[in-house]
Amino acid sequence: MFPSNIAGLPTWYTIRANRRGYVARKKEIDVLVAMNPETAREDVLTLGAGAAVVYDEPLKLNTLRSDLVCYPVPFDKLVAPVCPDAKLRRLVRT
């Protein structure tokens, strides 16, 4: 799903990938990559039990629910060695 976004509002992408080649979208989200801190909490709360969440470690989304598989990623620590400029680093990690 990619809505038109002229005003700089949050954007969501839906990707369907599987070994059988299905391409039609499905209602459930199996894996959420939460990159927007403003919507991450709400997005996590709408997931079905057993879904996986990849998120920026400081967001601490794993504290919201115990029925999800959470993968906190330290994006700042990963980007810092290759991007010393703070402004550029912020753009690279989002």
Protein backbone atom coordinates (compact mmCIF):
# COMPACT_ATOMS: atom_id res chain seq x y z
CA MET A 1 0.00 0.00 0.00
CA PHE A 2 1.46 3.35 -0.98
CA PRO A 3 -0.88 6.31 -0.44
CA SER A 4 -0.30 9.67 -2.08
CA ASN A 5 1.66 11.83 0.33
CA ILE A 6 2.25 15.45 -0.53
CA ALA A 7 2.04 16.89 2.99
CA GLY A 8 4.90 14.88 4.48
CA LEU A 9 2.58 12.61 6.42
CA PRO A 10 3.50 9.01 7.39
CA THR A 11 3.65 6.48 4.57
CA TRP A 12 3.10 2.72 4.76
CA TYR A 13 4.36 0.16 2.26
CA THR A 14 2.92 -3.33 2.03
CA ILE A 15 5.06 -6.03 0.42
CA ARG A 16 3.82 -9.57 -0.19
CA ALA A 17 6.59 -12.12 -0.56
CA ASN A 18 6.31 -15.90 -0.31
CA ARG A 19 7.69 -19.05 -1.82
CA ARG A 20 4.49 -19.91 -3.72
CA GLY A 21 4.53 -16.66 -5.69
CA TYR A 22 1.30 -15.14 -4.34
CA VAL A 23 1.17 -11.44 -5.11
CA ALA A 24 -2.31 -10.39 -3.94
CA ARG A 25 -2.29 -8.40 -0.71
CA LYS A 26 -3.59 -9.99 2.43
CA LYS A 27 -5.26 -8.37 5.42
CA GLU A 28 -2.85 -9.57 8.10
CA ILE A 29 0.64 -8.18 8.63
CA ASP A 30 3.23 -10.85 9.41
CA VAL A 31 6.29 -8.58 9.66
CA LEU A 32 6.26 -4.89 10.55
CA VAL A 33 9.34 -2.74 10.01
CA ALA A 34 8.51 0.26 12.19
CA MET A 35 10.56 3.24 11.01
CA ASN A 36 8.28 6.10 12.08
CA PRO A 37 8.39 6.84 15.84
CA GLU A 38 5.15 8.84 15.62
CA THR A 39 3.09 5.87 14.39
CA ALA A 40 5.12 2.87 15.65
CA ARG A 41 3.16 2.36 18.88
CA GLU A 42 -0.22 2.38 17.14
CA ASP A 43 1.08 0.15 14.34
CA VAL A 44 2.35 -2.44 16.84
CA LEU A 45 -0.95 -2.44 18.73
CA THR A 46 -2.85 -3.32 15.54
CA LEU A 47 -0.77 -6.45 14.75
CA GLY A 48 -2.07 -9.97 15.17
CA ALA A 49 -0.47 -12.26 17.73
CA GLY A 50 2.74 -13.90 16.52
CA ALA A 51 3.69 -11.12 14.10
CA ALA A 52 7.31 -9.94 13.98
CA VAL A 53 8.40 -6.35 14.57
CA VAL A 54 11.70 -4.82 13.47
CA TYR A 55 12.25 -1.41 15.06
CA ASP A 56 14.77 1.14 16.25
CA GLU A 57 15.98 -0.05 19.66
CA PRO A 58 15.26 3.19 21.60
CA LEU A 59 11.54 2.89 20.75
CA LYS A 60 11.28 -0.09 23.14
CA LEU A 61 8.28 -1.50 21.26
CA ASN A 62 8.85 -4.87 22.93
CA THR A 63 7.32 -3.43 26.11
CA LEU A 64 3.93 -2.95 24.46
CA ARG A 65 3.03 -6.61 23.91
CA SER A 66 4.32 -10.02 24.86
CA ASP A 67 2.70 -11.95 22.00
CA LEU A 68 4.94 -10.56 19.24
CA VAL A 69 8.42 -11.49 18.06
CA CYS A 70 10.51 -8.35 18.47
CA TYR A 71 13.80 -7.47 16.79
CA PRO A 72 15.24 -4.23 18.18
CA VAL A 73 17.94 -2.81 15.91
CA PRO A 74 20.48 -0.21 17.16
CA PHE A 75 20.33 1.92 14.00
CA ASP A 76 22.34 4.78 15.55
CA LYS A 77 25.20 2.44 16.47
CA LEU A 78 25.18 0.85 13.01
CA VAL A 79 25.16 4.14 11.11
CA ALA A 80 27.57 6.17 13.31
CA PRO A 81 30.84 4.58 12.10
CA VAL A 82 30.06 5.19 8.43
CA CYS A 83 28.30 8.54 8.77
CA PRO A 84 29.99 10.99 11.18
CA ASP A 85 27.80 14.01 10.30
CA ALA A 86 24.80 14.10 12.69
CA LYS A 87 22.36 15.63 10.17
CA LEU A 88 23.25 13.14 7.48
CA ARG A 89 23.16 10.28 10.00
CA ARG A 90 19.56 11.16 10.88
CA LEU A 91 18.58 11.03 7.20
CA VAL A 92 20.41 7.75 6.59
CA ARG A 93 18.70 5.90 9.43
CA THR A 94 15.15 6.91 8.47
